[in-house]
């Protein structure tokens, strides 16, 4: 999907430890702005004009974490235009796996952590409130994929 609207589109990566049998998710803790500092999130950011969502996500993850990713699936949102964020923007979240590099908190984050893909471990972290429903959808989608023939 190409981005060409006047409203910024945000993309996020649910980075998994495996494409086929994931057990962990890479969570990133923000260090700014002050209102979000200390909260965990999906790495990602704004898609630039005339950049595809996927290209924007790969660029953002490389800038923020220093790794290359392979995008897998869209985490299905309740609305066609993505997950509504508190700032009025919409976010599209994709599952992905790292294909090159070791993740490091380069710009936006002060800490990265691989967290078990289950509700209790994920919810033990203080996520940005807008990301919580995305976590639930991610867990359901992964569970459905695991149990489907």
N, C-alpha and C. Protein backbone atom coordinates (compact mmCIF):
# COMPACT_ATOMS: atom_id res chain seq x y z
N UNK A 1 0.84 -1.18 0.00
CA UNK A 1 0.00 0.00 0.00
C UNK A 1 0.89 1.25 0.00
N UNK A 2 0.64 2.18 -0.92
CA UNK A 2 1.39 3.43 -0.98
C UNK A 2 0.76 4.46 -0.06
N UNK A 3 1.59 5.29 0.52
CA UNK A 3 1.10 6.36 1.37
C UNK A 3 1.14 7.66 0.58
N UNK A 4 -0.01 8.31 0.46
CA UNK A 4 -0.02 9.59 -0.24
C UNK A 4 -1.06 10.54 0.35
N UNK A 5 -1.63 10.21 1.50
CA UNK A 5 -2.61 11.11 2.10
C UNK A 5 -1.90 12.18 2.92
N UNK A 6 -2.65 13.18 3.30
CA UNK A 6 -2.05 14.27 4.08
C UNK A 6 -1.88 13.87 5.54
N UNK A 7 -2.66 12.87 5.99
CA UNK A 7 -2.55 12.43 7.38
C UNK A 7 -1.41 11.44 7.54
N UNK A 8 -0.56 11.66 8.52
CA UNK A 8 0.56 10.71 8.70
C UNK A 8 0.04 9.31 9.04
N UNK A 9 0.70 8.33 8.46
CA UNK A 9 0.42 6.92 8.74
C UNK A 9 1.61 6.39 9.53
N UNK A 10 1.31 5.63 10.58
CA UNK A 10 2.35 5.06 11.41
C UNK A 10 2.34 3.55 11.20
N UNK A 11 3.54 2.97 11.15
CA UNK A 11 3.67 1.52 11.04
C UNK A 11 4.47 1.01 12.22
N UNK A 12 4.14 -0.20 12.66
CA UNK A 12 4.85 -0.81 13.77
C UNK A 12 5.18 -2.25 13.45
N UNK A 13 6.25 -2.74 14.05
CA UNK A 13 6.69 -4.12 13.83
C UNK A 13 6.54 -4.93 15.10
N UNK A 14 5.78 -6.03 14.99
CA UNK A 14 5.73 -7.03 16.04
C UNK A 14 6.81 -8.05 15.66
N UNK A 15 8.04 -7.79 16.14
CA UNK A 15 9.19 -8.60 15.75
C UNK A 15 9.20 -9.89 16.58
N UNK A 16 9.13 -11.01 15.87
CA UNK A 16 9.06 -12.33 16.50
C UNK A 16 10.41 -13.03 16.40
N UNK A 17 10.63 -13.98 17.29
CA UNK A 17 11.91 -14.71 17.29
C UNK A 17 11.96 -15.81 16.25
N UNK A 18 10.83 -16.13 15.62
CA UNK A 18 10.79 -17.19 14.62
C UNK A 18 9.61 -16.95 13.68
N UNK A 19 9.82 -17.24 12.41
CA UNK A 19 8.73 -17.08 11.44
C UNK A 19 7.71 -18.21 11.55
N UNK A 20 8.16 -19.40 11.97
CA UNK A 20 7.29 -20.57 11.92
C UNK A 20 6.72 -20.97 13.28
N UNK A 21 7.51 -20.87 14.33
CA UNK A 21 7.02 -21.21 15.66
C UNK A 21 7.49 -20.16 16.66
N UNK A 22 6.92 -18.97 16.57
CA UNK A 22 7.39 -17.89 17.45
C UNK A 22 7.04 -18.16 18.91
N UNK A 23 7.99 -17.81 19.79
CA UNK A 23 7.75 -17.93 21.24
C UNK A 23 8.00 -16.61 21.96
N UNK A 24 8.65 -15.64 21.26
CA UNK A 24 8.97 -14.36 21.89
C UNK A 24 8.71 -13.19 20.95
N UNK A 25 8.45 -12.03 21.57
CA UNK A 25 8.23 -10.77 20.87
C UNK A 25 9.27 -9.76 21.37
N UNK A 26 9.83 -8.98 20.46
CA UNK A 26 10.78 -7.94 20.85
C UNK A 26 10.02 -6.67 21.22
N UNK A 27 10.11 -6.29 22.49
CA UNK A 27 9.47 -5.07 22.98
C UNK A 27 10.54 -3.98 23.12
N UNK A 28 10.14 -2.74 22.84
CA UNK A 28 11.07 -1.61 22.89
C UNK A 28 10.52 -0.56 23.86
N UNK A 29 11.38 -0.12 24.80
CA UNK A 29 10.95 0.88 25.78
C UNK A 29 11.36 2.28 25.33
N UNK A 30 10.37 3.17 25.25
CA UNK A 30 10.60 4.54 24.78
C UNK A 30 11.37 5.36 25.81
N UNK A 31 12.18 6.30 25.31
CA UNK A 31 12.85 7.23 26.22
C UNK A 31 12.34 8.66 26.03
N UNK A 32 11.53 8.91 25.00
CA UNK A 32 10.96 10.23 24.75
C UNK A 32 9.71 10.05 23.89
N UNK A 33 8.82 11.02 23.83
CA UNK A 33 8.75 12.23 24.65
C UNK A 33 8.42 11.87 26.10
N UNK A 34 8.47 12.86 26.95
CA UNK A 34 8.29 12.63 28.39
C UNK A 34 7.00 11.88 28.70
N UNK A 35 5.91 12.20 27.96
CA UNK A 35 4.62 11.56 28.22
C UNK A 35 4.63 10.06 27.93
N UNK A 36 5.55 9.60 27.07
CA UNK A 36 5.62 8.18 26.72
C UNK A 36 6.88 7.49 27.24
N UNK A 37 7.79 8.25 27.83
CA UNK A 37 9.05 7.68 28.32
C UNK A 37 8.76 6.59 29.35
N UNK A 38 9.44 5.45 29.20
CA UNK A 38 9.26 4.34 30.14
C UNK A 38 8.20 3.35 29.70
N UNK A 39 7.39 3.71 28.70
CA UNK A 39 6.38 2.79 28.19
C UNK A 39 6.98 1.93 27.07
N UNK A 40 6.45 0.71 26.96
CA UNK A 40 6.91 -0.23 25.93
C UNK A 40 6.02 -0.10 24.70
N UNK A 41 6.60 -0.43 23.53
CA UNK A 41 5.86 -0.28 22.28
C UNK A 41 6.43 -1.21 21.21
N UNK A 42 5.74 -1.20 20.07
CA UNK A 42 6.25 -1.84 18.86
C UNK A 42 7.17 -0.83 18.18
N UNK A 43 8.39 -1.22 17.80
CA UNK A 43 9.23 -0.28 17.07
C UNK A 43 8.59 0.06 15.72
N UNK A 44 8.86 1.26 15.24
CA UNK A 44 8.31 1.71 13.96
C UNK A 44 8.22 3.21 13.94
N UNK A 45 7.42 3.74 13.04
CA UNK A 45 7.30 5.19 12.94
C UNK A 45 6.47 5.60 11.74
N UNK A 46 6.64 6.85 11.34
CA UNK A 46 5.83 7.42 10.26
C UNK A 46 6.33 6.98 8.88
N UNK A 47 5.36 6.69 8.02
CA UNK A 47 5.64 6.37 6.63
C UNK A 47 5.83 7.69 5.89
N UNK A 48 6.87 7.78 5.09
CA UNK A 48 7.12 9.00 4.33
C UNK A 48 6.25 9.02 3.08
N UNK A 49 6.04 10.23 2.56
CA UNK A 49 5.24 10.43 1.35
C UNK A 49 5.73 9.51 0.22
N UNK A 50 4.81 8.84 -0.45
CA UNK A 50 5.09 7.94 -1.58
C UNK A 50 5.99 6.76 -1.22
N UNK A 51 5.99 6.37 0.05
CA UNK A 51 6.72 5.19 0.51
C UNK A 51 5.66 4.14 0.83
N UNK A 52 5.91 2.88 0.50
CA UNK A 52 4.95 1.84 0.88
C UNK A 52 5.01 1.63 2.39
N UNK A 53 3.93 1.10 2.95
CA UNK A 53 3.92 0.81 4.39
C UNK A 53 5.09 -0.11 4.75
N UNK A 54 5.30 -1.13 3.92
CA UNK A 54 6.35 -2.10 4.20
C UNK A 54 7.74 -1.47 4.12
N UNK A 55 7.96 -0.64 3.09
CA UNK A 55 9.27 0.02 2.96
C UNK A 55 9.51 0.97 4.13
N UNK A 56 8.47 1.69 4.53
CA UNK A 56 8.58 2.61 5.67
C UNK A 56 8.91 1.86 6.95
N UNK A 57 8.28 0.70 7.14
CA UNK A 57 8.52 -0.09 8.34
C UNK A 57 9.96 -0.62 8.36
N UNK A 58 10.41 -1.13 7.23
CA UNK A 58 11.80 -1.63 7.17
C UNK A 58 12.79 -0.51 7.45
N UNK A 59 12.56 0.67 6.89
CA UNK A 59 13.44 1.81 7.11
C UNK A 59 13.43 2.23 8.58
N UNK A 60 12.24 2.36 9.15
CA UNK A 60 12.12 2.78 10.55
C UNK A 60 12.80 1.80 11.50
N UNK A 61 12.58 0.50 11.30
CA UNK A 61 13.18 -0.50 12.18
C UNK A 61 14.71 -0.47 12.05
N UNK A 62 15.19 -0.27 10.83
CA UNK A 62 16.64 -0.19 10.65
C UNK A 62 17.20 1.04 11.36
N UNK A 63 16.51 2.18 11.24
CA UNK A 63 16.97 3.41 11.92
C UNK A 63 16.93 3.27 13.43
N UNK A 64 15.86 2.64 13.95
CA UNK A 64 15.67 2.57 15.40
C UNK A 64 16.45 1.45 16.08
N UNK A 65 16.59 0.30 15.40
CA UNK A 65 17.17 -0.88 16.03
C UNK A 65 18.43 -1.40 15.35
N UNK A 66 18.72 -0.91 14.13
CA UNK A 66 19.91 -1.35 13.42
C UNK A 66 19.83 -2.75 12.84
N UNK A 67 18.60 -3.22 12.58
CA UNK A 67 18.43 -4.56 12.02
C UNK A 67 17.58 -4.51 10.76
N UNK A 68 17.77 -5.52 9.92
CA UNK A 68 16.92 -5.69 8.75
C UNK A 68 15.86 -6.72 9.11
N UNK A 69 14.64 -6.51 8.58
CA UNK A 69 13.54 -7.42 8.89
C UNK A 69 12.89 -7.93 7.61
N UNK A 70 12.25 -9.08 7.75
CA UNK A 70 11.37 -9.62 6.72
C UNK A 70 9.96 -9.50 7.28
N UNK A 71 9.10 -8.79 6.56
CA UNK A 71 7.72 -8.59 7.02
C UNK A 71 6.91 -9.82 6.66
N UNK A 72 6.06 -10.24 7.61
CA UNK A 72 5.22 -11.41 7.40
C UNK A 72 3.77 -11.02 7.17
N UNK A 73 3.02 -10.83 8.24
CA UNK A 73 1.58 -10.61 8.13
C UNK A 73 1.14 -9.32 8.80
N UNK A 74 0.07 -8.76 8.29
CA UNK A 74 -0.58 -7.62 8.92
C UNK A 74 -1.33 -8.12 10.15
N UNK A 75 -1.20 -7.42 11.27
CA UNK A 75 -2.02 -7.73 12.44
C UNK A 75 -3.36 -7.02 12.19
N UNK A 76 -4.39 -7.81 11.98
CA UNK A 76 -5.67 -7.28 11.52
C UNK A 76 -6.30 -6.37 12.58
N UNK A 77 -6.62 -5.15 12.14
CA UNK A 77 -7.22 -4.14 13.01
C UNK A 77 -8.75 -4.17 12.85
N UNK A 78 -9.48 -3.61 13.83
CA UNK A 78 -10.94 -3.60 13.72
C UNK A 78 -11.43 -2.68 12.59
N UNK A 79 -10.61 -1.73 12.16
CA UNK A 79 -11.00 -0.81 11.09
C UNK A 79 -10.03 -0.93 9.93
N UNK A 80 -10.52 -0.65 8.72
CA UNK A 80 -9.72 -0.74 7.50
C UNK A 80 -8.49 0.16 7.56
N UNK A 81 -8.61 1.32 8.21
CA UNK A 81 -7.50 2.29 8.23
C UNK A 81 -6.52 2.06 9.38
N UNK A 82 -6.62 0.91 10.05
CA UNK A 82 -5.62 0.55 11.05
C UNK A 82 -6.06 0.79 12.48
N UNK A 83 -5.10 0.70 13.37
CA UNK A 83 -5.32 0.87 14.81
C UNK A 83 -5.27 2.35 15.14
N UNK A 84 -6.29 2.84 15.82
CA UNK A 84 -6.37 4.26 16.18
C UNK A 84 -5.45 4.53 17.37
N UNK A 85 -4.58 5.53 17.23
CA UNK A 85 -3.67 5.92 18.31
C UNK A 85 -4.24 7.10 19.07
N UNK A 86 -3.70 7.34 20.26
CA UNK A 86 -4.19 8.42 21.11
C UNK A 86 -3.99 9.79 20.48
N UNK A 87 -3.02 9.91 19.57
CA UNK A 87 -2.75 11.20 18.93
C UNK A 87 -3.60 11.43 17.68
N UNK A 88 -4.55 10.51 17.42
CA UNK A 88 -5.42 10.67 16.26
C UNK A 88 -4.91 10.01 15.00
N UNK A 89 -3.66 9.56 15.00
CA UNK A 89 -3.12 8.88 13.83
C UNK A 89 -3.56 7.41 13.86
N UNK A 90 -3.37 6.75 12.74
CA UNK A 90 -3.67 5.32 12.65
C UNK A 90 -2.38 4.55 12.43
N UNK A 91 -2.30 3.35 13.02
CA UNK A 91 -1.10 2.54 12.89
C UNK A 91 -1.44 1.18 12.28
N UNK A 92 -0.58 0.74 11.38
CA UNK A 92 -0.66 -0.59 10.81
C UNK A 92 0.52 -1.38 11.38
N UNK A 93 0.22 -2.52 12.00
CA UNK A 93 1.25 -3.33 12.64
C UNK A 93 1.41 -4.64 11.85
N UNK A 94 2.66 -4.99 11.60
CA UNK A 94 2.98 -6.21 10.87
C UNK A 94 3.87 -7.09 11.73
N UNK A 95 3.67 -8.42 11.61
CA UNK A 95 4.64 -9.31 12.22
C UNK A 95 5.86 -9.34 11.31
N UNK A 96 7.01 -9.57 11.92
CA UNK A 96 8.27 -9.58 11.17
C UNK A 96 9.29 -10.41 11.93
N UNK A 97 10.34 -10.79 11.21
CA UNK A 97 11.48 -11.47 11.84
C UNK A 97 12.76 -10.75 11.39
N UNK A 98 13.75 -10.80 12.24
CA UNK A 98 15.04 -10.17 11.93
C UNK A 98 15.80 -11.06 10.95
N UNK A 99 16.31 -10.45 9.88
CA UNK A 99 17.07 -11.22 8.88
C UNK A 99 18.56 -10.87 8.93
N UNK A 100 18.92 -9.72 9.49
CA UNK A 100 20.33 -9.33 9.59
C UNK A 100 20.52 -8.34 10.73
N UNK A 101 21.61 -8.54 11.49
CA UNK A 101 21.96 -7.62 12.56
C UNK A 101 21.48 -8.07 13.93
N UNK A 102 21.98 -7.37 14.95
CA UNK A 102 21.58 -7.59 16.33
C UNK A 102 20.83 -6.35 16.79
N UNK A 103 19.59 -6.49 17.29
CA UNK A 103 18.84 -5.29 17.68
C UNK A 103 19.49 -4.54 18.84
N UNK A 104 19.49 -3.21 18.72
CA UNK A 104 20.03 -2.34 19.76
C UNK A 104 19.15 -1.10 19.85
N UNK A 105 18.98 -0.53 21.04
CA UNK A 105 18.17 0.68 21.19
C UNK A 105 18.96 1.92 20.74
N UNK A 106 18.85 2.28 19.47
CA UNK A 106 19.71 3.31 18.90
C UNK A 106 19.21 4.75 19.12
N UNK A 107 17.93 5.01 18.89
CA UNK A 107 17.45 6.40 18.89
C UNK A 107 16.31 6.62 19.88
N UNK A 108 15.18 5.99 19.61
CA UNK A 108 13.93 6.26 20.34
C UNK A 108 13.82 5.51 21.67
N UNK A 109 14.63 4.48 21.85
CA UNK A 109 14.43 3.57 22.98
C UNK A 109 15.65 3.50 23.88
N UNK A 110 15.41 3.13 25.15
CA UNK A 110 16.54 2.94 26.07
C UNK A 110 16.73 1.47 26.44
N UNK A 111 15.79 0.63 26.01
CA UNK A 111 15.89 -0.78 26.36
C UNK A 111 15.07 -1.63 25.40
N UNK A 112 15.58 -2.82 25.09
CA UNK A 112 14.85 -3.80 24.30
C UNK A 112 14.77 -5.08 25.12
N UNK A 113 13.67 -5.80 24.95
CA UNK A 113 13.53 -7.05 25.70
C UNK A 113 12.73 -8.05 24.89
N UNK A 114 13.23 -9.30 24.83
CA UNK A 114 12.47 -10.39 24.22
C UNK A 114 11.52 -10.91 25.30
N UNK A 115 10.23 -10.87 25.02
CA UNK A 115 9.20 -11.23 26.00
C UNK A 115 8.43 -12.44 25.48
N UNK A 116 8.11 -13.35 26.39
CA UNK A 116 7.34 -14.54 26.03
C UNK A 116 6.00 -14.15 25.42
N UNK A 117 5.61 -14.89 24.37
CA UNK A 117 4.36 -14.61 23.66
C UNK A 117 3.17 -15.19 24.41
N UNK A 118 2.93 -14.65 25.57
CA UNK A 118 1.73 -15.03 26.31
C UNK A 118 1.24 -13.80 27.08
N UNK A 119 -0.02 -13.80 27.38
CA UNK A 119 -0.64 -12.63 28.00
C UNK A 119 0.04 -12.19 29.28
N UNK A 120 0.38 -13.15 30.16
CA UNK A 120 0.94 -12.74 31.45
C UNK A 120 2.30 -12.06 31.30
N UNK A 121 3.17 -12.59 30.46
CA UNK A 121 4.48 -11.96 30.30
C UNK A 121 4.38 -10.63 29.55
N UNK A 122 3.57 -10.61 28.49
CA UNK A 122 3.43 -9.36 27.72
C UNK A 122 2.80 -8.25 28.56
N UNK A 123 1.76 -8.60 29.32
CA UNK A 123 1.07 -7.58 30.09
C UNK A 123 1.80 -7.18 31.37
N UNK A 124 2.87 -7.90 31.69
CA UNK A 124 3.70 -7.51 32.84
C UNK A 124 4.45 -6.21 32.51
N UNK A 125 4.63 -5.93 31.22
CA UNK A 125 5.29 -4.68 30.82
C UNK A 125 4.26 -3.56 30.74
N UNK A 126 4.72 -2.34 30.96
CA UNK A 126 3.85 -1.16 30.91
C UNK A 126 3.82 -0.65 29.46
N UNK A 127 2.87 -1.18 28.67
CA UNK A 127 2.77 -0.81 27.25
C UNK A 127 2.07 0.54 27.10
N UNK A 128 2.38 1.22 26.00
CA UNK A 128 1.60 2.41 25.63
C UNK A 128 0.15 1.92 25.53
N UNK A 129 -0.81 2.62 26.17
CA UNK A 129 -2.19 2.11 26.19
C UNK A 129 -2.76 1.76 24.82
N UNK A 130 -2.45 2.52 23.79
CA UNK A 130 -2.98 2.24 22.45
C UNK A 130 -2.45 0.93 21.88
N UNK A 131 -1.32 0.43 22.39
CA UNK A 131 -0.75 -0.81 21.88
C UNK A 131 -1.36 -2.06 22.52
N UNK A 132 -2.04 -1.90 23.65
CA UNK A 132 -2.59 -3.08 24.34
C UNK A 132 -3.58 -3.88 23.50
N UNK A 133 -4.56 -3.24 22.83
CA UNK A 133 -5.48 -4.04 22.00
C UNK A 133 -4.75 -4.72 20.83
N UNK A 134 -3.67 -4.12 20.37
CA UNK A 134 -2.90 -4.71 19.28
C UNK A 134 -2.22 -5.99 19.78
N UNK A 135 -1.72 -5.95 21.02
CA UNK A 135 -1.11 -7.16 21.61
C UNK A 135 -2.11 -8.30 21.67
N UNK A 136 -3.34 -7.98 22.09
CA UNK A 136 -4.38 -9.02 22.18
C UNK A 136 -4.67 -9.60 20.80
N UNK A 137 -4.80 -8.73 19.80
CA UNK A 137 -5.07 -9.18 18.44
C UNK A 137 -3.91 -10.03 17.91
N UNK A 138 -2.69 -9.62 18.22
CA UNK A 138 -1.51 -10.37 17.80
C UNK A 138 -1.53 -11.78 18.40
N UNK A 139 -1.78 -11.87 19.70
CA UNK A 139 -1.82 -13.18 20.36
C UNK A 139 -2.90 -14.07 19.75
N UNK A 140 -4.08 -13.50 19.49
CA UNK A 140 -5.18 -14.28 18.90
C UNK A 140 -4.81 -14.74 17.48
N UNK A 141 -4.21 -13.83 16.71
CA UNK A 141 -3.84 -14.16 15.33
C UNK A 141 -2.78 -15.27 15.30
N UNK A 142 -1.80 -15.18 16.18
CA UNK A 142 -0.75 -16.21 16.23
C UNK A 142 -1.32 -17.54 16.69
N UNK A 143 -2.23 -17.50 17.66
CA UNK A 143 -2.87 -18.72 18.15
C UNK A 143 -3.69 -19.37 17.03
N UNK A 144 -4.42 -18.54 16.30
CA UNK A 144 -5.24 -19.06 15.18
C UNK A 144 -4.35 -19.69 14.12
N UNK A 145 -3.24 -19.04 13.80
CA UNK A 145 -2.30 -19.57 12.79
C UNK A 145 -1.70 -20.89 13.24
N UNK A 146 -1.43 -21.01 14.55
CA UNK A 146 -0.81 -22.22 15.09
C UNK A 146 -1.79 -23.40 15.08
N UNK A 147 -3.08 -23.11 15.28
CA UNK A 147 -4.05 -24.21 15.37
C UNK A 147 -4.75 -24.49 14.05
N UNK A 148 -4.54 -23.66 13.04
CA UNK A 148 -5.16 -23.91 11.73
C UNK A 148 -4.36 -24.97 10.97
N UNK A 149 -5.08 -25.79 10.21
CA UNK A 149 -4.37 -26.84 9.45
C UNK A 149 -3.53 -26.26 8.32
